[in-house]
Amino acid sequence: MKWTDVQDIAIELAESRPDVDPRYVNFVDLRNWVMELEGFDDAPSRCGERILEGIQGAWIEEMD
């Protein structure tokens, strides 16, 4: 997965962290959790606030 795979990342986060409410996750933790996902292979420098906002939004939708 790459940073641009927002929906896939959101699904993985929802499955790997079912007890976490994504509305209250700070971007530092979110970035670290994404980089820890199995199958994630992209440079940390390619991630920005806009990408993290997209991931967080998709994760919130996934939880609903």
PDB file of N, CA and C in Angstrom:
ATOM      1  N   MET A   1       0.833  -1.181   0.000  1.00  0.00           N
ATOM      2  CA  MET A   1       0.000   0.000   0.000  1.00  0.00           C
ATOM      3  C   MET A   1       0.880   1.247   0.000  1.00  0.00           C
ATOM      4  N   LYS A   2       0.337   2.270  -0.599  1.00  0.00           N
ATOM      5  CA  LYS A   2       0.995   3.577  -0.644  1.00  0.00           C
ATOM      6  C   LYS A   2       0.091   4.583   0.059  1.00  0.00           C
ATOM      7  N   TRP A   3       0.607   5.774   0.327  1.00  0.00           N
ATOM      8  CA  TRP A   3      -0.172   6.824   0.984  1.00  0.00           C
ATOM      9  C   TRP A   3      -1.455   7.137   0.227  1.00  0.00           C
ATOM     10  N   THR A   4      -1.429   6.972  -1.079  1.00  0.00           N
ATOM     11  CA  THR A   4      -2.601   7.303  -1.888  1.00  0.00           C
ATOM     12  C   THR A   4      -3.696   6.241  -1.823  1.00  0.00           C
ATOM     13  N   ASP A   5      -3.428   5.107  -1.232  1.00  0.00           N
ATOM     14  CA  ASP A   5      -4.416   4.030  -1.083  1.00  0.00           C
ATOM     15  C   ASP A   5      -5.281   4.281   0.154  1.00  0.00           C
ATOM     16  N   VAL A   6      -5.927   5.431   0.170  1.00  0.00           N
ATOM     17  CA  VAL A   6      -6.640   5.915   1.351  1.00  0.00           C
ATOM     18  C   VAL A   6      -7.694   4.926   1.838  1.00  0.00           C
ATOM     19  N   GLN A   7      -8.508   4.415   0.934  1.00  0.00           N
ATOM     20  CA  GLN A   7      -9.590   3.509   1.341  1.00  0.00           C
ATOM     21  C   GLN A   7      -9.036   2.204   1.904  1.00  0.00           C
ATOM     22  N   ASP A   8      -8.031   1.642   1.257  1.00  0.00           N
ATOM     23  CA  ASP A   8      -7.425   0.401   1.748  1.00  0.00           C
ATOM     24  C   ASP A   8      -6.803   0.607   3.125  1.00  0.00           C
ATOM     25  N   ILE A   9      -6.150   1.738   3.308  1.00  0.00           N
ATOM     26  CA  ILE A   9      -5.541   2.049   4.605  1.00  0.00           C
ATOM     27  C   ILE A   9      -6.629   2.166   5.676  1.00  0.00           C
ATOM     28  N   ALA A  10      -7.729   2.848   5.342  1.00  0.00           N
ATOM     29  CA  ALA A  10      -8.817   3.016   6.304  1.00  0.00           C
ATOM     30  C   ALA A  10      -9.396   1.665   6.720  1.00  0.00           C
ATOM     31  N   ILE A  11      -9.561   0.767   5.784  1.00  0.00           N
ATOM     32  CA  ILE A  11     -10.085  -0.572   6.096  1.00  0.00           C
ATOM     33  C   ILE A  11      -9.127  -1.306   7.017  1.00  0.00           C
ATOM     34  N   GLU A  12      -7.845  -1.248   6.699  1.00  0.00           N
ATOM     35  CA  GLU A  12      -6.842  -1.918   7.535  1.00  0.00           C
ATOM     36  C   GLU A  12      -6.821  -1.339   8.953  1.00  0.00           C
ATOM     37  N   LEU A  13      -6.912  -0.029   9.065  1.00  0.00           N
ATOM     38  CA  LEU A  13      -6.914   0.602  10.390  1.00  0.00           C
ATOM     39  C   LEU A  13      -8.156   0.204  11.181  1.00  0.00           C
ATOM     40  N   ALA A  14      -9.304   0.167  10.515  1.00  0.00           N
ATOM     41  CA  ALA A  14     -10.549  -0.220  11.184  1.00  0.00           C
ATOM     42  C   ALA A  14     -10.453  -1.647  11.708  1.00  0.00           C
ATOM     43  N   GLU A  15      -9.815  -2.519  10.952  1.00  0.00           N
ATOM     44  CA  GLU A  15      -9.675  -3.915  11.364  1.00  0.00           C
ATOM     45  C   GLU A  15      -8.610  -4.101  12.440  1.00  0.00           C
ATOM     46  N   SER A  16      -7.523  -3.349  12.346  1.00  0.00           N
ATOM     47  CA  SER A  16      -6.410  -3.552  13.281  1.00  0.00           C
ATOM     48  C   SER A  16      -6.580  -2.767  14.587  1.00  0.00           C
ATOM     49  N   ARG A  17      -7.426  -1.753  14.582  1.00  0.00           N
ATOM     50  CA  ARG A  17      -7.632  -0.927  15.779  1.00  0.00           C
ATOM     51  C   ARG A  17      -9.125  -0.689  15.998  1.00  0.00           C
ATOM     52  N   PRO A  18      -9.866  -1.784  16.269  1.00  0.00           N
ATOM     53  CA  PRO A  18     -11.329  -1.664  16.389  1.00  0.00           C
ATOM     54  C   PRO A  18     -11.794  -0.854  17.599  1.00  0.00           C
ATOM     55  N   ASP A  19     -10.951  -0.700  18.599  1.00  0.00           N
ATOM     56  CA  ASP A  19     -11.337   0.026  19.810  1.00  0.00           C
ATOM     57  C   ASP A  19     -11.013   1.516  19.745  1.00  0.00           C
ATOM     58  N   VAL A  20     -10.447   1.960  18.624  1.00  0.00           N
ATOM     59  CA  VAL A  20     -10.040   3.359  18.482  1.00  0.00           C
ATOM     60  C   VAL A  20     -11.124   4.138  17.742  1.00  0.00           C
ATOM     61  N   ASP A  21     -11.483   5.297  18.274  1.00  0.00           N
ATOM     62  CA  ASP A  21     -12.408   6.188  17.586  1.00  0.00           C
ATOM     63  C   ASP A  21     -11.575   7.128  16.717  1.00  0.00           C
ATOM     64  N   PRO A  22     -11.651   6.979  15.397  1.00  0.00           N
ATOM     65  CA  PRO A  22     -10.781   7.756  14.509  1.00  0.00           C
ATOM     66  C   PRO A  22     -11.010   9.269  14.580  1.00  0.00           C
ATOM     67  N   ARG A  23     -12.133   9.694  15.118  1.00  0.00           N
ATOM     68  CA  ARG A  23     -12.391  11.138  15.228  1.00  0.00           C
ATOM     69  C   ARG A  23     -11.436  11.808  16.206  1.00  0.00           C
ATOM     70  N   TYR A  24     -10.855  11.032  17.110  1.00  0.00           N
ATOM     71  CA  TYR A  24     -10.012  11.595  18.163  1.00  0.00           C
ATOM     72  C   TYR A  24      -8.542  11.221  18.036  1.00  0.00           C
ATOM     73  N   VAL A  25      -8.145  10.719  16.876  1.00  0.00           N
ATOM     74  CA  VAL A  25      -6.751  10.321  16.653  1.00  0.00           C
ATOM     75  C   VAL A  25      -5.966  11.521  16.143  1.00  0.00           C
ATOM     76  N   ASN A  26      -4.822  11.781  16.784  1.00  0.00           N
ATOM     77  CA  ASN A  26      -3.986  12.884  16.272  1.00  0.00           C
ATOM     78  C   ASN A  26      -3.171  12.390  15.078  1.00  0.00           C
ATOM     79  N   PHE A  27      -2.734  13.320  14.269  1.00  0.00           N
ATOM     80  CA  PHE A  27      -2.072  12.956  13.024  1.00  0.00           C
ATOM     81  C   PHE A  27      -0.717  12.282  13.228  1.00  0.00           C
ATOM     82  N   VAL A  28      -0.056  12.566  14.319  1.00  0.00           N
ATOM     83  CA  VAL A  28       1.230  11.902  14.596  1.00  0.00           C
ATOM     84  C   VAL A  28       0.992  10.405  14.794  1.00  0.00           C
ATOM     85  N   ASP A  29       0.006  10.067  15.627  1.00  0.00           N
ATOM     86  CA  ASP A  29      -0.313   8.651  15.843  1.00  0.00           C
ATOM     87  C   ASP A  29      -0.815   8.004  14.556  1.00  0.00           C
ATOM     88  N   LEU A  30      -1.702   8.698  13.849  1.00  0.00           N
ATOM     89  CA  LEU A  30      -2.257   8.148  12.613  1.00  0.00           C
ATOM     90  C   LEU A  30      -1.148   7.828  11.618  1.00  0.00           C
ATOM     91  N   ARG A  31      -0.231   8.744  11.442  1.00  0.00           N
ATOM     92  CA  ARG A  31       0.894   8.531  10.519  1.00  0.00           C
ATOM     93  C   ARG A  31       1.716   7.311  10.934  1.00  0.00           C
ATOM     94  N   ASN A  32       2.002   7.202  12.219  1.00  0.00           N
ATOM     95  CA  ASN A  32       2.787   6.066  12.706  1.00  0.00           C
ATOM     96  C   ASN A  32       2.040   4.751  12.523  1.00  0.00           C
ATOM     97  N   TRP A  33       0.740   4.747  12.813  1.00  0.00           N
ATOM     98  CA  TRP A  33      -0.053   3.524  12.675  1.00  0.00           C
ATOM     99  C   TRP A  33      -0.124   3.071  11.226  1.00  0.00           C
ATOM    100  N   VAL A  34      -0.248   4.015  10.312  1.00  0.00           N
ATOM    101  CA  VAL A  34      -0.280   3.662   8.889  1.00  0.00           C
ATOM    102  C   VAL A  34       1.047   3.023   8.487  1.00  0.00           C
ATOM    103  N   MET A  35       2.149   3.606   8.909  1.00  0.00           N
ATOM    104  CA  MET A  35       3.457   3.078   8.538  1.00  0.00           C
ATOM    105  C   MET A  35       3.715   1.703   9.150  1.00  0.00           C
ATOM    106  N   GLU A  36       3.004   1.362  10.233  1.00  0.00           N
ATOM    107  CA  GLU A  36       3.152   0.051  10.871  1.00  0.00           C
ATOM    108  C   GLU A  36       2.299  -1.033  10.221  1.00  0.00           C
ATOM    109  N   LEU A  37       1.371  -0.644   9.346  1.00  0.00           N
ATOM    110  CA  LEU A  37       0.477  -1.627   8.735  1.00  0.00           C
ATOM    111  C   LEU A  37       1.250  -2.610   7.875  1.00  0.00           C
ATOM    112  N   GLU A  38       0.843  -3.874   7.961  1.00  0.00           N
ATOM    113  CA  GLU A  38       1.456  -4.894   7.121  1.00  0.00           C
ATOM    114  C   GLU A  38       1.100  -4.589   5.669  1.00  0.00           C
ATOM    115  N   GLY A  39       2.072  -4.620   4.824  1.00  0.00           N
ATOM    116  CA  GLY A  39       1.839  -4.349   3.419  1.00  0.00           C
ATOM    117  C   GLY A  39       2.003  -2.887   3.034  1.00  0.00           C
ATOM    118  N   PHE A  40       2.232  -2.021   4.012  1.00  0.00           N
ATOM    119  CA  PHE A  40       2.443  -0.615   3.698  1.00  0.00           C
ATOM    120  C   PHE A  40       3.902  -0.409   3.329  1.00  0.00           C
ATOM    121  N   ASP A  41       4.120   0.213   2.179  1.00  0.00           N
ATOM    122  CA  ASP A  41       5.483   0.417   1.707  1.00  0.00           C
ATOM    123  C   ASP A  41       5.558   1.726   0.927  1.00  0.00           C
ATOM    124  N   ASP A  42       5.750   2.807   1.639  1.00  0.00           N
ATOM    125  CA  ASP A  42       5.897   4.117   1.007  1.00  0.00           C
ATOM    126  C   ASP A  42       6.764   4.984   1.906  1.00  0.00           C
ATOM    127  N   ALA A  43       7.338   5.993   1.332  1.00  0.00           N
ATOM    128  CA  ALA A  43       8.242   6.870   2.074  1.00  0.00           C
ATOM    129  C   ALA A  43       7.459   7.790   3.010  1.00  0.00           C
ATOM    130  N   PRO A  44       7.920   7.924   4.252  1.00  0.00           N
ATOM    131  CA  PRO A  44       7.258   8.833   5.196  1.00  0.00           C
ATOM    132  C   PRO A  44       7.178  10.260   4.670  1.00  0.00           C
ATOM    133  N   SER A  45       8.146  10.653   3.880  1.00  0.00           N
ATOM    134  CA  SER A  45       8.186  12.024   3.362  1.00  0.00           C
ATOM    135  C   SER A  45       7.073  12.310   2.351  1.00  0.00           C
ATOM    136  N   ARG A  46       6.430  11.272   1.830  1.00  0.00           N
ATOM    137  CA  ARG A  46       5.357  11.458   0.855  1.00  0.00           C
ATOM    138  C   ARG A  46       4.010  11.722   1.521  1.00  0.00           C
ATOM    139  N   CYS A  47       3.983  11.745   2.833  1.00  0.00           N
ATOM    140  CA  CYS A  47       2.745  11.949   3.582  1.00  0.00           C
ATOM    141  C   CYS A  47       2.632  13.399   4.027  1.00  0.00           C
ATOM    142  N   GLY A  48       1.434  13.951   3.855  1.00  0.00           N
ATOM    143  CA  GLY A  48       1.168  15.304   4.315  1.00  0.00           C
ATOM    144  C   GLY A  48      -0.160  15.365   5.050  1.00  0.00           C
ATOM    145  N   GLU A  49      -0.484  16.540   5.538  1.00  0.00           N
ATOM    146  CA  GLU A  49      -1.710  16.719   6.312  1.00  0.00           C
ATOM    147  C   GLU A  49      -2.953  16.366   5.495  1.00  0.00           C
ATOM    148  N   ARG A  50      -2.952  16.727   4.232  1.00  0.00           N
ATOM    149  CA  ARG A  50      -4.116  16.443   3.378  1.00  0.00           C
ATOM    150  C   ARG A  50      -4.353  14.936   3.253  1.00  0.00           C
ATOM    151  N   ILE A  51      -3.302  14.163   3.094  1.00  0.00           N
ATOM    152  CA  ILE A  51      -3.430  12.708   2.996  1.00  0.00           C
ATOM    153  C   ILE A  51      -3.953  12.146   4.314  1.00  0.00           C
ATOM    154  N   LEU A  52      -3.420  12.622   5.432  1.00  0.00           N
ATOM    155  CA  LEU A  52      -3.876  12.138   6.733  1.00  0.00           C
ATOM    156  C   LEU A  52      -5.346  12.486   6.968  1.00  0.00           C
ATOM    157  N   GLU A  53      -5.754  13.669   6.537  1.00  0.00           N
ATOM    158  CA  GLU A  53      -7.169  14.041   6.652  1.00  0.00           C
ATOM    159  C   GLU A  53      -8.040  13.081   5.845  1.00  0.00           C
ATOM    160  N   GLY A  54      -7.586  12.734   4.654  1.00  0.00           N
ATOM    161  CA  GLY A  54      -8.328  11.791   3.821  1.00  0.00           C
ATOM    162  C   GLY A  54      -8.431  10.419   4.451  1.00  0.00           C
ATOM    163  N   ILE A  55      -7.332   9.950   5.014  1.00  0.00           N
ATOM    164  CA  ILE A  55      -7.323   8.644   5.686  1.00  0.00           C
ATOM    165  C   ILE A  55      -8.262   8.671   6.883  1.00  0.00           C
ATOM    166  N   GLN A  56      -8.174   9.721   7.683  1.00  0.00           N
ATOM    167  CA  GLN A  56      -9.020   9.831   8.853  1.00  0.00           C
ATOM    168  C   GLN A  56     -10.501   9.859   8.447  1.00  0.00           C
ATOM    169  N   GLY A  57     -10.829  10.632   7.422  1.00  0.00           N
ATOM    170  CA  GLY A  57     -12.208  10.710   6.956  1.00  0.00           C
ATOM    171  C   GLY A  57     -12.729   9.368   6.457  1.00  0.00           C
ATOM    172  N   ALA A  58     -11.903   8.652   5.698  1.00  0.00           N
ATOM    173  CA  ALA A  58     -12.300   7.337   5.201  1.00  0.00           C
ATOM    174  C   ALA A  58     -12.449   6.340   6.345  1.00  0.00           C
ATOM    175  N   TRP A  59     -11.604   6.431   7.344  1.00  0.00           N
ATOM    176  CA  TRP A  59     -11.682   5.546   8.512  1.00  0.00           C
ATOM    177  C   TRP A  59     -12.978   5.831   9.286  1.00  0.00           C
ATOM    178  N   ILE A  60     -13.323   7.081   9.443  1.00  0.00           N
ATOM    179  CA  ILE A  60     -14.579   7.435  10.119  1.00  0.00           C
ATOM    180  C   ILE A  60     -15.768   6.848   9.358  1.00  0.00           C
ATOM    181  N   GLU A  61     -15.769   6.978   8.030  1.00  0.00           N
ATOM    182  CA  GLU A  61     -16.832   6.390   7.222  1.00  0.00           C
ATOM    183  C   GLU A  61     -16.872   4.877   7.362  1.00  0.00           C
ATOM    184  N   GLU A  62     -15.713   4.262   7.421  1.00  0.00           N
ATOM    185  CA  GLU A  62     -15.622   2.814   7.575  1.00  0.00           C
ATOM    186  C   GLU A  62     -16.219   2.343   8.895  1.00  0.00           C
ATOM    187  N   MET A  63     -16.046   3.150   9.926  1.00  0.00           N
ATOM    188  CA  MET A  63     -16.566   2.789  11.255  1.00  0.00           C
ATOM    189  C   MET A  63     -18.079   2.971  11.347  1.00  0.00           C
ATOM    190  N   ASP A  64     -18.636   3.856  10.526  1.00  0.00           N
ATOM    191  CA  ASP A  64     -20.093   4.104  10.548  1.00  0.00           C
ATOM    192  C   ASP A  64     -20.858   3.068   9.849  1.00  0.00           C
TER     193      ASP A  64
END
